[in-house]
N, C-alpha and C. Protein backbone atom coordinates (compact mmCIF):
# COMPACT_ATOMS: atom_id res chain seq x y z
N MET A 1 35.11 -3.86 -31.29
CA MET A 1 34.92 -3.84 -29.85
C MET A 1 36.21 -4.34 -29.20
N ARG A 2 36.56 -3.72 -28.09
CA ARG A 2 37.80 -4.08 -27.40
C ARG A 2 37.69 -5.46 -26.77
N ASP A 3 38.83 -6.12 -26.66
CA ASP A 3 38.85 -7.48 -26.14
C ASP A 3 38.43 -7.56 -24.68
N ASP A 4 38.75 -6.52 -23.88
CA ASP A 4 38.33 -6.58 -22.47
C ASP A 4 36.81 -6.48 -22.34
N HIS A 5 36.16 -5.73 -23.24
CA HIS A 5 34.70 -5.68 -23.23
C HIS A 5 34.12 -7.04 -23.63
N ARG A 6 34.74 -7.67 -24.61
CA ARG A 6 34.29 -9.00 -25.03
C ARG A 6 34.44 -10.02 -23.91
N GLN A 7 35.51 -9.90 -23.13
CA GLN A 7 35.72 -10.81 -22.02
C GLN A 7 34.64 -10.62 -20.95
N ILE A 8 34.30 -9.37 -20.65
CA ILE A 8 33.26 -9.08 -19.66
C ILE A 8 31.91 -9.61 -20.14
N ILE A 9 31.60 -9.39 -21.40
CA ILE A 9 30.33 -9.87 -21.95
C ILE A 9 30.28 -11.39 -21.90
N GLY A 10 31.37 -12.04 -22.29
CA GLY A 10 31.39 -13.50 -22.30
C GLY A 10 31.36 -14.10 -20.91
N LYS A 11 31.91 -13.38 -19.93
CA LYS A 11 31.99 -13.93 -18.58
C LYS A 11 30.76 -13.64 -17.75
N TYR A 12 30.10 -12.51 -17.95
CA TYR A 12 28.99 -12.11 -17.08
C TYR A 12 27.64 -11.99 -17.79
N VAL A 13 27.59 -11.32 -18.92
CA VAL A 13 26.30 -10.98 -19.53
C VAL A 13 25.65 -12.20 -20.18
N VAL A 14 26.41 -12.98 -20.93
CA VAL A 14 25.83 -14.14 -21.60
C VAL A 14 25.33 -15.19 -20.58
N PRO A 15 26.11 -15.52 -19.54
CA PRO A 15 25.56 -16.45 -18.53
C PRO A 15 24.34 -15.87 -17.80
N LEU A 16 24.31 -14.56 -17.58
CA LEU A 16 23.15 -13.95 -16.94
C LEU A 16 21.91 -14.09 -17.83
N ALA A 17 22.09 -13.93 -19.13
CA ALA A 17 20.97 -14.10 -20.06
C ALA A 17 20.47 -15.54 -20.04
N MET A 18 21.39 -16.50 -20.01
CA MET A 18 20.98 -17.90 -19.94
C MET A 18 20.25 -18.19 -18.63
N LEU A 19 20.74 -17.61 -17.55
CA LEU A 19 20.10 -17.79 -16.25
C LEU A 19 18.68 -17.21 -16.25
N LEU A 20 18.50 -16.06 -16.88
CA LEU A 20 17.16 -15.47 -16.97
C LEU A 20 16.21 -16.37 -17.74
N MET A 21 16.69 -16.98 -18.83
CA MET A 21 15.83 -17.89 -19.58
C MET A 21 15.44 -19.10 -18.74
N ILE A 22 16.38 -19.65 -18.00
CA ILE A 22 16.10 -20.81 -17.15
C ILE A 22 15.14 -20.44 -16.03
N VAL A 23 15.37 -19.29 -15.38
CA VAL A 23 14.49 -18.85 -14.30
C VAL A 23 13.08 -18.58 -14.85
N GLY A 24 12.98 -18.02 -16.03
CA GLY A 24 11.67 -17.77 -16.64
C GLY A 24 10.92 -19.06 -16.92
N PHE A 25 11.63 -20.06 -17.41
CA PHE A 25 10.98 -21.34 -17.68
C PHE A 25 10.54 -22.03 -16.38
N ILE A 26 11.40 -22.00 -15.38
CA ILE A 26 11.04 -22.59 -14.09
C ILE A 26 9.87 -21.83 -13.46
N SER A 27 9.87 -20.51 -13.60
CA SER A 27 8.77 -19.70 -13.05
C SER A 27 7.45 -20.03 -13.74
N LEU A 28 7.51 -20.37 -15.01
CA LEU A 28 6.30 -20.73 -15.74
C LEU A 28 5.69 -22.03 -15.21
N CYS A 29 6.55 -22.93 -14.75
CA CYS A 29 6.08 -24.25 -14.31
C CYS A 29 5.68 -24.31 -12.84
N GLN A 30 6.02 -23.32 -12.05
CA GLN A 30 5.71 -23.38 -10.62
C GLN A 30 4.40 -22.62 -10.35
N PRO A 31 3.55 -23.15 -9.46
CA PRO A 31 2.26 -22.50 -9.19
C PRO A 31 2.20 -21.72 -7.88
N TRP A 32 3.29 -21.62 -7.12
CA TRP A 32 3.21 -21.09 -5.76
C TRP A 32 3.33 -19.57 -5.68
N ILE A 33 4.23 -18.98 -6.45
CA ILE A 33 4.45 -17.54 -6.39
C ILE A 33 3.80 -16.91 -7.62
N GLU A 34 2.70 -16.22 -7.41
CA GLU A 34 1.92 -15.71 -8.53
C GLU A 34 2.69 -14.69 -9.37
N PHE A 35 3.47 -13.83 -8.71
CA PHE A 35 4.24 -12.82 -9.44
C PHE A 35 5.16 -13.47 -10.46
N LEU A 36 5.88 -14.50 -10.05
CA LEU A 36 6.79 -15.18 -10.98
C LEU A 36 6.02 -15.87 -12.09
N HIS A 37 4.88 -16.46 -11.76
CA HIS A 37 4.10 -17.15 -12.78
C HIS A 37 3.55 -16.17 -13.82
N VAL A 38 3.11 -15.01 -13.34
CA VAL A 38 2.53 -14.01 -14.26
C VAL A 38 3.59 -13.45 -15.21
N TYR A 39 4.77 -13.18 -14.69
CA TYR A 39 5.81 -12.54 -15.49
C TYR A 39 6.84 -13.52 -16.06
N SER A 40 6.57 -14.79 -16.03
CA SER A 40 7.54 -15.78 -16.48
C SER A 40 7.85 -15.68 -17.97
N VAL A 41 6.85 -15.42 -18.78
CA VAL A 41 7.09 -15.29 -20.22
C VAL A 41 7.93 -14.06 -20.51
N ALA A 42 7.66 -12.96 -19.82
CA ALA A 42 8.44 -11.74 -20.01
C ALA A 42 9.89 -11.95 -19.59
N ILE A 43 10.10 -12.67 -18.48
CA ILE A 43 11.46 -12.95 -18.01
C ILE A 43 12.20 -13.80 -19.04
N THR A 44 11.52 -14.80 -19.58
CA THR A 44 12.13 -15.67 -20.59
C THR A 44 12.48 -14.89 -21.85
N ILE A 45 11.58 -14.03 -22.29
CA ILE A 45 11.83 -13.26 -23.51
C ILE A 45 12.97 -12.27 -23.32
N ILE A 46 13.04 -11.63 -22.16
CA ILE A 46 14.15 -10.71 -21.88
C ILE A 46 15.48 -11.46 -21.92
N GLY A 47 15.52 -12.63 -21.31
CA GLY A 47 16.73 -13.44 -21.36
C GLY A 47 17.09 -13.85 -22.77
N LEU A 48 16.10 -14.21 -23.57
CA LEU A 48 16.34 -14.60 -24.95
C LEU A 48 16.88 -13.44 -25.78
N ILE A 49 16.31 -12.27 -25.60
CA ILE A 49 16.78 -11.09 -26.34
C ILE A 49 18.20 -10.73 -25.93
N LEU A 50 18.48 -10.73 -24.62
CA LEU A 50 19.85 -10.45 -24.16
C LEU A 50 20.84 -11.45 -24.73
N PHE A 51 20.47 -12.72 -24.71
CA PHE A 51 21.36 -13.75 -25.23
C PHE A 51 21.60 -13.57 -26.72
N THR A 52 20.54 -13.28 -27.47
CA THR A 52 20.66 -13.12 -28.92
C THR A 52 21.58 -11.95 -29.26
N ILE A 53 21.48 -10.86 -28.52
CA ILE A 53 22.29 -9.68 -28.80
C ILE A 53 23.73 -9.89 -28.36
N PHE A 54 23.94 -10.28 -27.10
CA PHE A 54 25.28 -10.28 -26.54
C PHE A 54 26.10 -11.52 -26.86
N ALA A 55 25.47 -12.60 -27.29
CA ALA A 55 26.25 -13.78 -27.68
C ALA A 55 27.09 -13.49 -28.93
N ARG A 56 26.67 -12.52 -29.72
CA ARG A 56 27.45 -12.15 -30.91
C ARG A 56 28.72 -11.39 -30.54
N PHE A 57 28.72 -10.74 -29.37
CA PHE A 57 29.88 -9.95 -28.97
C PHE A 57 30.83 -10.71 -28.06
N ALA A 58 30.44 -11.87 -27.59
CA ALA A 58 31.31 -12.67 -26.73
C ALA A 58 32.52 -13.16 -27.52
N PRO A 59 33.65 -13.38 -26.85
CA PRO A 59 34.82 -13.85 -27.57
C PRO A 59 34.59 -15.23 -28.17
N GLN A 60 35.02 -15.40 -29.41
CA GLN A 60 34.85 -16.66 -30.09
C GLN A 60 35.97 -17.62 -29.71
N PRO A 61 35.65 -18.88 -29.44
CA PRO A 61 36.72 -19.82 -29.09
C PRO A 61 37.64 -20.06 -30.28
N GLY A 62 38.93 -20.06 -29.99
CA GLY A 62 39.91 -20.32 -31.04
C GLY A 62 40.44 -19.08 -31.74
N LYS A 63 39.80 -17.94 -31.54
CA LYS A 63 40.27 -16.69 -32.15
C LYS A 63 41.10 -15.92 -31.15
N HIS A 64 42.25 -15.46 -31.57
CA HIS A 64 43.14 -14.69 -30.67
C HIS A 64 43.43 -13.34 -31.25
C-alpha cells in the first residue's frame, strides 16, 4: 500500500473508528435519545470493525 494512503488512513480513518466506538458507548449509557440508545451496540461494533481493519494499514511509528 502506498505511503500517502497509509497517512490518510492513520490521520482520518483510525480516529474516526475510535470516535465511533466512544459515541456508541456513550449512546448506550444515555436514556434521552431513543434512536441512539437502540443503535448504540451497532455503532460500537461498526467502530470496532473499522478500527480492527484499518489500524493494520496505518503507518507504524518508527518505520520509514
